[in-house]
PDB file of N, CA and C in Angstrom:
ATOM      1  N   MET A   1      14.361  43.408 -13.172  1.00  0.00           N
ATOM      2  CA  MET A   1      13.169  44.311 -11.703  1.00  0.00           C
ATOM      3  C   MET A   1      13.266  43.204 -10.381  1.00  0.00           C
ATOM      4  N   THR A   2      13.771  43.762  -9.537  1.00  0.00           N
ATOM      5  CA  THR A   2      14.458  43.467  -8.044  1.00  0.00           C
ATOM      6  C   THR A   2      13.843  44.002  -7.783  1.00  0.00           C
ATOM      7  N   LEU A   3      13.395  42.957  -6.711  1.00  0.00           N
ATOM      8  CA  LEU A   3      12.400  42.634  -5.396  1.00  0.00           C
ATOM      9  C   LEU A   3      13.434  42.849  -4.025  1.00  0.00           C
ATOM     10  N   LEU A   4      12.562  44.121  -3.468  1.00  0.00           N
ATOM     11  CA  LEU A   4      13.846  43.744  -2.216  1.00  0.00           C
ATOM     12  C   LEU A   4      12.707  43.414  -0.626  1.00  0.00           C
ATOM     13  N   VAL A   5      13.298  42.905  -0.149  1.00  0.00           N
ATOM     14  CA  VAL A   5      12.513  42.529   0.635  1.00  0.00           C
ATOM     15  C   VAL A   5      12.621  42.027   2.299  1.00  0.00           C
ATOM     16  N   LYS A   6      12.941  42.687   3.286  1.00  0.00           N
ATOM     17  CA  LYS A   6      13.980  41.946   3.961  1.00  0.00           C
ATOM     18  C   LYS A   6      13.799  40.943   4.954  1.00  0.00           C
ATOM     19  N   ASP A   7      14.819  41.032   5.355  1.00  0.00           N
ATOM     20  CA  ASP A   7      16.383  39.277   5.803  1.00  0.00           C
ATOM     21  C   ASP A   7      14.702  38.683   6.667  1.00  0.00           C
ATOM     22  N   THR A   8      13.882  39.726   7.462  1.00  0.00           N
ATOM     23  CA  THR A   8      12.919  38.210   8.101  1.00  0.00           C
ATOM     24  C   THR A   8      11.594  37.702   7.318  1.00  0.00           C
ATOM     25  N   GLN A   9      11.366  39.084   6.845  1.00  0.00           N
ATOM     26  CA  GLN A   9      10.047  38.320   5.907  1.00  0.00           C
ATOM     27  C   GLN A   9      10.176  36.882   4.960  1.00  0.00           C
ATOM     28  N   VAL A  10      11.981  36.866   4.375  1.00  0.00           N
ATOM     29  CA  VAL A  10      12.059  35.961   3.819  1.00  0.00           C
ATOM     30  C   VAL A  10      12.214  34.787   4.575  1.00  0.00           C
ATOM     31  N   GLU A  11      12.710  34.656   5.800  1.00  0.00           N
ATOM     32  CA  GLU A  11      12.724  34.202   6.802  1.00  0.00           C
ATOM     33  C   GLU A  11      10.964  33.296   6.879  1.00  0.00           C
ATOM     34  N   ASP A  12      10.134  34.597   7.593  1.00  0.00           N
ATOM     35  CA  ASP A  12       8.783  33.943   8.283  1.00  0.00           C
ATOM     36  C   ASP A  12       8.244  32.860   6.378  1.00  0.00           C
ATOM     37  N   PHE A  13       8.492  33.163   5.442  1.00  0.00           N
ATOM     38  CA  PHE A  13       7.830  32.538   4.123  1.00  0.00           C
ATOM     39  C   PHE A  13       8.687  31.000   4.281  1.00  0.00           C
ATOM     40  N   PHE A  14       9.895  31.533   4.102  1.00  0.00           N
ATOM     41  CA  PHE A  14      10.662  29.884   4.691  1.00  0.00           C
ATOM     42  C   PHE A  14       9.384  29.046   5.115  1.00  0.00           C
ATOM     43  N   ASP A  15       9.860  29.782   6.829  1.00  0.00           N
ATOM     44  CA  ASP A  15       9.183  28.904   7.908  1.00  0.00           C
ATOM     45  C   ASP A  15       7.888  28.043   8.124  1.00  0.00           C
ATOM     46  N   ARG A  16       6.976  29.447   6.775  1.00  0.00           N
ATOM     47  CA  ARG A  16       5.576  28.660   6.252  1.00  0.00           C
ATOM     48  C   ARG A  16       5.508  27.515   5.212  1.00  0.00           C
ATOM     49  N   VAL A  17       6.712  27.516   4.749  1.00  0.00           N
ATOM     50  CA  VAL A  17       7.122  26.734   3.631  1.00  0.00           C
ATOM     51  C   VAL A  17       6.863  25.210   4.231  1.00  0.00           C
ATOM     52  N   ARG A  18       8.355  25.403   4.969  1.00  0.00           N
ATOM     53  CA  ARG A  18       8.247  24.014   6.570  1.00  0.00           C
ATOM     54  C   ARG A  18       7.382  23.449   6.882  1.00  0.00           C
ATOM     55  N   GLN A  19       6.241  24.422   7.282  1.00  0.00           N
ATOM     56  CA  GLN A  19       5.557  24.473   8.347  1.00  0.00           C
ATOM     57  C   GLN A  19       3.707  22.875   7.624  1.00  0.00           C
ATOM     58  N   VAL A  20       3.831  24.138   6.365  1.00  0.00           N
ATOM     59  CA  VAL A  20       3.368  23.652   4.926  1.00  0.00           C
ATOM     60  C   VAL A  20       3.624  22.045   5.308  1.00  0.00           C
ATOM     61  N   VAL A  21       5.127  21.932   4.857  1.00  0.00           N
ATOM     62  CA  VAL A  21       5.587  20.971   4.582  1.00  0.00           C
ATOM     63  C   VAL A  21       5.290  19.105   4.994  1.00  0.00           C
ATOM     64  N   ARG A  22       5.379  20.021   6.607  1.00  0.00           N
ATOM     65  CA  ARG A  22       5.671  18.558   7.783  1.00  0.00           C
ATOM     66  C   ARG A  22       4.285  18.558   7.769  1.00  0.00           C
ATOM     67  N   GLU A  23       3.252  19.632   7.622  1.00  0.00           N
ATOM     68  CA  GLU A  23       1.192  18.822   7.903  1.00  0.00           C
ATOM     69  C   GLU A  23       1.302  17.942   6.614  1.00  0.00           C
ATOM     70  N   GLU A  24       2.077  18.127   4.987  1.00  0.00           N
ATOM     71  CA  GLU A  24       1.370  17.001   4.703  1.00  0.00           C
ATOM     72  C   GLU A  24       1.944  15.895   4.649  1.00  0.00           C
ATOM     73  N   ILE A  25       2.930  16.077   5.351  1.00  0.00           N
ATOM     74  CA  ILE A  25       4.006  14.354   5.851  1.00  0.00           C
ATOM     75  C   ILE A  25       3.372  13.801   6.291  1.00  0.00           C
ATOM     76  N   ALA A  26       2.446  14.777   7.576  1.00  0.00           N
ATOM     77  CA  ALA A  26       1.969  14.135   8.187  1.00  0.00           C
ATOM     78  C   ALA A  26       0.100  13.583   8.208  1.00  0.00           C
ATOM     79  N   ASN A  27      -0.504  14.148   7.092  1.00  0.00           N
ATOM     80  CA  ASN A  27      -0.528  14.135   6.774  1.00  0.00           C
ATOM     81  C   ASN A  27      -0.980  12.299   5.666  1.00  0.00           C
ATOM     82  N   ASN A  28      -0.321  12.771   5.219  1.00  0.00           N
ATOM     83  CA  ASN A  28       0.362  11.396   4.067  1.00  0.00           C
ATOM     84  C   ASN A  28      -0.081   9.786   5.373  1.00  0.00           C
ATOM     85  N   GLN A  29       0.976  10.450   6.101  1.00  0.00           N
ATOM     86  CA  GLN A  29       1.266   9.325   7.665  1.00  0.00           C
ATOM     87  C   GLN A  29       0.707   8.589   7.818  1.00  0.00           C
ATOM     88  N   ASN A  30      -0.317   9.573   8.177  1.00  0.00           N
ATOM     89  CA  ASN A  30      -2.074   9.352   8.775  1.00  0.00           C
ATOM     90  C   ASN A  30      -2.567   8.636   7.689  1.00  0.00           C
ATOM     91  N   SER A  31      -3.020   8.905   6.659  1.00  0.00           N
ATOM     92  CA  SER A  31      -3.715   8.246   5.911  1.00  0.00           C
ATOM     93  C   SER A  31      -3.037   6.414   5.379  1.00  0.00           C
ATOM     94  N   LYS A  32      -1.830   6.840   4.865  1.00  0.00           N
ATOM     95  CA  LYS A  32      -1.622   5.659   5.308  1.00  0.00           C
ATOM     96  C   LYS A  32      -1.716   4.249   6.048  1.00  0.00           C
ATOM     97  N   THR A  33      -1.767   5.244   8.003  1.00  0.00           N
ATOM     98  CA  THR A  33      -1.930   3.904   8.503  1.00  0.00           C
ATOM     99  C   THR A  33      -3.186   3.650   9.298  1.00  0.00           C
ATOM    100  N   GLU A  34      -4.514   4.894   8.846  1.00  0.00           N
ATOM    101  CA  GLU A  34      -6.151   5.052   8.813  1.00  0.00           C
ATOM    102  C   GLU A  34      -6.250   4.248   7.414  1.00  0.00           C
ATOM    103  N   SER A  35      -5.559   3.593   6.488  1.00  0.00           N
ATOM    104  CA  SER A  35      -5.544   2.901   5.314  1.00  0.00           C
ATOM    105  C   SER A  35      -6.990   1.577   5.727  1.00  0.00           C
ATOM    106  N   ASN A  36      -7.530   0.870   5.049  1.00  0.00           N
ATOM    107  CA  ASN A  36      -8.573  -0.170   5.260  1.00  0.00           C
ATOM    108  C   ASN A  36      -8.458  -1.217   3.808  1.00  0.00           C
ATOM    109  N   PRO A  37      -7.474  -2.191   4.184  1.00  0.00           N
ATOM    110  CA  PRO A  37      -6.121  -2.784   3.508  1.00  0.00           C
ATOM    111  C   PRO A  37      -7.349  -3.437   2.532  1.00  0.00           C
ATOM    112  N   TYR A  38      -8.426  -3.278   2.727  1.00  0.00           N
ATOM    113  CA  TYR A  38     -10.187  -4.294   1.898  1.00  0.00           C
ATOM    114  C   TYR A  38     -10.515  -2.929   0.460  1.00  0.00           C
ATOM    115  N   ASP A  39      -9.398  -1.842   1.125  1.00  0.00           N
ATOM    116  CA  ASP A  39      -9.204  -1.129   0.202  1.00  0.00           C
ATOM    117  C   ASP A  39      -8.226  -1.378  -0.847  1.00  0.00           C
ATOM    118  N   GLU A  40      -7.048  -2.003  -0.931  1.00  0.00           N
ATOM    119  CA  GLU A  40      -6.134  -2.061  -1.680  1.00  0.00           C
ATOM    120  C   GLU A  40      -6.535  -3.788  -2.235  1.00  0.00           C
ATOM    121  N   TRP A  41      -6.747  -3.306  -3.330  1.00  0.00           N
ATOM    122  CA  TRP A  41      -6.630  -3.483  -4.687  1.00  0.00           C
ATOM    123  C   TRP A  41      -4.800  -4.107  -5.554  1.00  0.00           C
ATOM    124  N   GLY A  42      -4.355  -5.205  -6.065  1.00  0.00           N
ATOM    125  CA  GLY A  42      -3.202  -4.983  -6.731  1.00  0.00           C
ATOM    126  C   GLY A  42      -2.668  -6.043  -7.455  1.00  0.00           C
ATOM    127  N   GLY A  43      -1.368  -6.193  -8.348  1.00  0.00           N
ATOM    128  CA  GLY A  43      -1.245  -7.916  -8.642  1.00  0.00           C
ATOM    129  C   GLY A  43      -0.663  -8.151  -8.065  1.00  0.00           C
ATOM    130  N   LYS A  44       0.115  -8.356  -8.756  1.00  0.00           N
ATOM    131  CA  LYS A  44       0.825  -9.988  -7.741  1.00  0.00           C
ATOM    132  C   LYS A  44       1.732  -9.719  -6.593  1.00  0.00           C
ATOM    133  N   GLU A  45       2.622  -8.144  -6.711  1.00  0.00           N
ATOM    134  CA  GLU A  45       3.025  -8.034  -6.226  1.00  0.00           C
ATOM    135  C   GLU A  45       2.607  -7.488  -4.809  1.00  0.00           C
ATOM    136  N   VAL A  46       1.259  -7.620  -4.451  1.00  0.00           N
ATOM    137  CA  VAL A  46       0.466  -7.418  -2.949  1.00  0.00           C
ATOM    138  C   VAL A  46       0.411  -7.973  -2.608  1.00  0.00           C
ATOM    139  N   ALA A  47      -0.033  -9.360  -3.707  1.00  0.00           N
ATOM    140  CA  ALA A  47       0.371 -11.144  -3.723  1.00  0.00           C
ATOM    141  C   ALA A  47       1.532 -12.388  -2.308  1.00  0.00           C
ATOM    142  N   ARG A  48       2.152 -10.824  -3.419  1.00  0.00           N
ATOM    143  CA  ARG A  48       3.878 -11.272  -2.877  1.00  0.00           C
ATOM    144  C   ARG A  48       4.452 -10.840  -1.428  1.00  0.00           C
ATOM    145  N   GLU A  49       4.080  -8.817  -1.504  1.00  0.00           N
ATOM    146  CA  GLU A  49       4.355  -8.694  -0.113  1.00  0.00           C
ATOM    147  C   GLU A  49       3.232  -9.776   1.139  1.00  0.00           C
ATOM    148  N   VAL A  50       2.122  -9.721   0.944  1.00  0.00           N
ATOM    149  CA  VAL A  50       1.381  -9.902   2.100  1.00  0.00           C
ATOM    150  C   VAL A  50       1.726 -11.902   2.381  1.00  0.00           C
ATOM    151  N   THR A  51       2.201 -12.760   1.472  1.00  0.00           N
ATOM    152  CA  THR A  51       1.852 -13.539   2.137  1.00  0.00           C
ATOM    153  C   THR A  51       3.676 -14.386   1.825  1.00  0.00           C
ATOM    154  N   GLY A  52       5.318 -13.700   1.152  1.00  0.00           N
ATOM    155  CA  GLY A  52       6.381 -13.805   1.314  1.00  0.00           C
ATOM    156  C   GLY A  52       6.753 -14.488   0.613  1.00  0.00           C
ATOM    157  N   TRP A  53       5.201 -14.946  -0.728  1.00  0.00           N
ATOM    158  CA  TRP A  53       5.681 -15.899  -1.595  1.00  0.00           C
ATOM    159  C   TRP A  53       6.270 -15.843  -3.127  1.00  0.00           C
ATOM    160  N   SER A  54       6.797 -16.750  -3.193  1.00  0.00           N
ATOM    161  CA  SER A  54       7.279 -16.211  -5.293  1.00  0.00           C
ATOM    162  C   SER A  54       6.568 -16.314  -6.004  1.00  0.00           C
ATOM    163  N   ASP A  55       6.476 -15.444  -7.558  1.00  0.00           N
ATOM    164  CA  ASP A  55       5.455 -15.311  -8.329  1.00  0.00           C
ATOM    165  C   ASP A  55       4.994 -17.054  -8.775  1.00  0.00           C
ATOM    166  N   SER A  56       5.964 -18.114  -8.667  1.00  0.00           N
ATOM    167  CA  SER A  56       5.792 -19.752  -9.232  1.00  0.00           C
ATOM    168  C   SER A  56       4.955 -20.011  -8.013  1.00  0.00           C
ATOM    169  N   THR A  57       5.622 -20.035  -6.689  1.00  0.00           N
ATOM    170  CA  THR A  57       4.264 -20.132  -5.653  1.00  0.00           C
ATOM    171  C   THR A  57       2.693 -19.629  -6.102  1.00  0.00           C
ATOM    172  N   ILE A  58       2.501 -18.503  -5.777  1.00  0.00           N
ATOM    173  CA  ILE A  58       1.190 -17.481  -6.450  1.00  0.00           C
ATOM    174  C   ILE A  58       1.203 -19.128  -7.314  1.00  0.00           C
ATOM    175  N   TYR A  59       1.620 -18.320  -8.390  1.00  0.00           N
ATOM    176  CA  TYR A  59       0.770 -19.641  -9.838  1.00  0.00           C
ATOM    177  C   TYR A  59       0.078 -21.018  -9.300  1.00  0.00           C
ATOM    178  N   LYS A  60       1.016 -21.177  -8.860  1.00  0.00           N
ATOM    179  CA  LYS A  60       0.920 -23.104  -8.114  1.00  0.00           C
ATOM    180  C   LYS A  60      -0.315 -22.877  -7.104  1.00  0.00           C
ATOM    181  N   LYS A  61      -0.555 -22.126  -6.440  1.00  0.00           N
ATOM    182  CA  LYS A  61      -1.587 -21.767  -5.499  1.00  0.00           C
ATOM    183  C   LYS A  61      -2.549 -21.279  -5.673  1.00  0.00           C
ATOM    184  N   LEU A  62      -2.777 -20.355  -7.285  1.00  0.00           N
ATOM    185  CA  LEU A  62      -3.410 -19.786  -6.922  1.00  0.00           C
ATOM    186  C   LEU A  62      -5.187 -20.250  -7.195  1.00  0.00           C
ATOM    187  N   SER A  63      -5.236 -21.540  -7.403  1.00  0.00           N
ATOM    188  CA  SER A  63      -7.039 -21.833  -7.478  1.00  0.00           C
ATOM    189  C   SER A  63      -7.413 -22.411  -6.115  1.00  0.00           C
ATOM    190  N   ARG A  64      -6.280 -21.990  -5.082  1.00  0.00           N
ATOM    191  CA  ARG A  64      -6.928 -21.511  -3.601  1.00  0.00           C
ATOM    192  C   ARG A  64      -6.678 -20.146  -2.863  1.00  0.00           C
ATOM    193  N   ILE A  65      -6.366 -19.548  -3.533  1.00  0.00           N
ATOM    194  CA  ILE A  65      -5.878 -18.170  -2.659  1.00  0.00           C
ATOM    195  C   ILE A  65      -7.255 -17.158  -3.485  1.00  0.00           C
ATOM    196  N   PRO A  66      -7.452 -15.980  -2.835  1.00  0.00           N
ATOM    197  CA  PRO A  66      -8.867 -16.149  -3.131  1.00  0.00           C
ATOM    198  C   PRO A  66      -8.071 -14.308  -4.140  1.00  0.00           C
ATOM    199  N   HIS A  67      -8.398 -14.490  -4.999  1.00  0.00           N
ATOM    200  CA  HIS A  67      -7.875 -12.833  -5.914  1.00  0.00           C
ATOM    201  C   HIS A  67      -8.957 -13.189  -7.261  1.00  0.00           C
ATOM    202  N   ALA A  68      -8.986 -11.768  -8.199  1.00  0.00           N
ATOM    203  CA  ALA A  68     -10.115 -11.452  -9.541  1.00  0.00           C
ATOM    204  C   ALA A  68      -9.361 -12.295 -10.559  1.00  0.00           C
ATOM    205  N   LYS A  69      -9.903 -11.650 -11.719  1.00  0.00           N
ATOM    206  CA  LYS A  69      -8.822 -12.101 -12.811  1.00  0.00           C
ATOM    207  C   LYS A  69      -9.186 -11.362 -13.804  1.00  0.00           C
ATOM    208  N   GLN A  70      -9.435 -10.156 -14.287  1.00  0.00           N
ATOM    209  CA  GLN A  70     -10.217  -8.792 -15.415  1.00  0.00           C
ATOM    210  C   GLN A  70      -9.100  -8.730 -16.663  1.00  0.00           C
ATOM    211  N   GLY A  71      -9.412  -9.245 -17.917  1.00  0.00           N
ATOM    212  CA  GLY A  71      -9.073  -9.503 -19.001  1.00  0.00           C
ATOM    213  C   GLY A  71      -7.638  -9.772 -18.859  1.00  0.00           C
ATOM    214  N   GLY A  72      -7.582 -11.199 -18.692  1.00  0.00           N
ATOM    215  CA  GLY A  72      -6.357 -11.857 -18.632  1.00  0.00           C
ATOM    216  C   GLY A  72      -5.134 -11.466 -17.617  1.00  0.00           C
ATOM    217  N   LYS A  73      -5.487 -10.365 -16.484  1.00  0.00           N
ATOM    218  CA  LYS A  73      -4.724  -9.613 -15.369  1.00  0.00           C
ATOM    219  C   LYS A  73      -5.242 -10.084 -14.296  1.00  0.00           C
ATOM    220  N   LEU A  74      -4.650 -10.821 -13.655  1.00  0.00           N
ATOM    221  CA  LEU A  74      -4.959 -11.230 -11.381  1.00  0.00           C
ATOM    222  C   LEU A  74      -4.715  -9.566 -11.111  1.00  0.00           C
ATOM    223  N   PHE A  75      -5.893  -9.775  -9.611  1.00  0.00           N
ATOM    224  CA  PHE A  75      -6.049  -8.935  -9.303  1.00  0.00           C
ATOM    225  C   PHE A  75      -5.584  -9.130  -7.738  1.00  0.00           C
ATOM    226  N   PHE A  76      -5.373  -9.131  -6.963  1.00  0.00           N
ATOM    227  CA  PHE A  76      -5.346  -9.864  -4.661  1.00  0.00           C
ATOM    228  C   PHE A  76      -5.629  -8.861  -4.097  1.00  0.00           C
ATOM    229  N   ASN A  77      -6.670  -8.851  -3.602  1.00  0.00           N
ATOM    230  CA  ASN A  77      -7.092  -8.080  -2.611  1.00  0.00           C
ATOM    231  C   ASN A  77      -6.034  -8.145  -1.362  1.00  0.00           C
ATOM    232  N   ARG A  78      -5.794  -7.279  -0.520  1.00  0.00           N
ATOM    233  CA  ARG A  78      -4.878  -6.883   0.510  1.00  0.00           C
ATOM    234  C   ARG A  78      -5.616  -7.651   1.417  1.00  0.00           C
ATOM    235  N   GLY A  79      -6.693  -7.470   2.560  1.00  0.00           N
ATOM    236  CA  GLY A  79      -7.907  -8.355   3.540  1.00  0.00           C
ATOM    237  C   GLY A  79      -8.095  -8.929   3.552  1.00  0.00           C
ATOM    238  N   GLN A  80      -8.140  -9.817   1.773  1.00  0.00           N
ATOM    239  CA  GLN A  80      -9.005 -10.594   1.735  1.00  0.00           C
ATOM    240  C   GLN A  80      -7.579 -11.792   1.977  1.00  0.00           C
ATOM    241  N   LEU A  81      -6.331 -10.884   1.044  1.00  0.00           N
ATOM    242  CA  LEU A  81      -5.364 -11.881   1.414  1.00  0.00           C
ATOM    243  C   LEU A  81      -4.440 -12.316   2.686  1.00  0.00           C
ATOM    244  N   LEU A  82      -4.782 -11.831   3.669  1.00  0.00           N
ATOM    245  CA  LEU A  82      -4.784 -11.019   4.406  1.00  0.00           C
ATOM    246  C   LEU A  82      -5.776 -12.356   5.719  1.00  0.00           C
ATOM    247  N   ASP A  83      -6.406 -12.386   5.402  1.00  0.00           N
ATOM    248  CA  ASP A  83      -8.380 -12.831   5.919  1.00  0.00           C
ATOM    249  C   ASP A  83      -7.608 -14.576   5.624  1.00  0.00           C
ATOM    250  N   PHE A  84      -7.200 -15.017   4.435  1.00  0.00           N
ATOM    251  CA  PHE A  84      -6.971 -16.578   3.868  1.00  0.00           C
ATOM    252  C   PHE A  84      -5.506 -16.972   4.955  1.00  0.00           C
ATOM    253  N   ILE A  85      -4.334 -15.743   5.124  1.00  0.00           N
ATOM    254  CA  ILE A  85      -3.233 -16.446   6.229  1.00  0.00           C
ATOM    255  C   ILE A  85      -4.016 -16.596   7.583  1.00  0.00           C
ATOM    256  N   LYS A  86      -4.732 -15.516   8.360  1.00  0.00           N
ATOM    257  CA  LYS A  86      -4.793 -15.749   8.939  1.00  0.00           C
ATOM    258  C   LYS A  86      -5.567 -16.935   9.698  1.00  0.00           C
ATOM    259  N   ASN A  87      -6.364 -16.375   9.183  1.00  0.00           N
ATOM    260  CA  ASN A  87      -7.700 -18.494   8.623  1.00  0.00           C
ATOM    261  C   ASN A  87      -6.916 -19.800   8.797  1.00  0.00           C
ATOM    262  N   GLY A  88      -5.800 -19.411   8.602  1.00  0.00           N
ATOM    263  CA  GLY A  88      -4.686 -20.771   8.146  1.00  0.00           C
ATOM    264  C   GLY A  88      -4.577 -21.441   7.073  1.00  0.00           C
ATOM    265  N   GLN A  89      -5.526 -21.514   5.730  1.00  0.00           N
ATOM    266  CA  GLN A  89      -6.576 -21.519   5.106  1.00  0.00           C
ATOM    267  C   GLN A  89      -5.502 -23.036   4.697  1.00  0.00           C
ATOM    268  N   ARG A  90      -6.090 -24.047   4.297  1.00  0.00           N
ATOM    269  CA  ARG A  90      -5.448 -25.081   4.128  1.00  0.00           C
ATOM    270  C   ARG A  90      -5.680 -25.162   2.206  1.00  0.00           C
ATOM    271  N   THR A  91      -4.048 -25.930   2.004  1.00  0.00           N
ATOM    272  CA  THR A  91      -4.581 -26.149   0.559  1.00  0.00           C
ATOM    273  C   THR A  91      -5.304 -27.425   0.378  1.00  0.00           C
ATOM    274  N   LYS A  92      -6.053 -28.253   0.000  1.00  0.00           N
ATOM    275  CA  LYS A  92      -5.721 -29.714  -0.833  1.00  0.00           C
ATOM    276  C   LYS A  92      -4.305 -30.315   0.041  1.00  0.00           C
ATOM    277  N   GLY A  93      -5.167 -31.601   0.524  1.00  0.00           N
ATOM    278  CA  GLY A  93      -3.886 -32.763   1.230  1.00  0.00           C
ATOM    279  C   GLY A  93      -3.645 -32.437   3.138  1.00  0.00           C
ATOM    280  N   GLY A  94      -3.723 -31.234   2.955  1.00  0.00           N
ATOM    281  CA  GLY A  94      -3.856 -30.535   4.433  1.00  0.00           C
ATOM    282  C   GLY A  94      -2.771 -29.990   4.328  1.00  0.00           C
ATOM    283  N   LYS A  95      -1.405 -29.075   4.038  1.00  0.00           N
ATOM    284  CA  LYS A  95      -0.874 -29.177   3.110  1.00  0.00           C
ATOM    285  C   LYS A  95      -0.212 -27.188   3.809  1.00  0.00           C
ATOM    286  N   ARG A  96      -0.291 -26.177   3.915  1.00  0.00           N
ATOM    287  CA  ARG A  96      -0.294 -25.047   3.779  1.00  0.00           C
ATOM    288  C   ARG A  96      -0.448 -24.490   2.882  1.00  0.00           C
TER     289      ARG A  96
END
């Protein structure tokens, strides 16, 4: 079966698809910029991204940085880590 449509109908369809895609991309970008860092939990990748530390440094400083542990897995909250850094939390011995 062949469907015959006018070229303008096809162009209108693709214009509408493009518009919907642009709107969805804009909505997705807005939701990321408005997100609350306290809502974001993740593994050590979050701690690495926020602190810039290696995995070994994160493990060494684990007793001093905010985290949660459940089922043998570590979880870090982006907002809590940002506060930790912003407040200049010092480790034992006066070192950062």
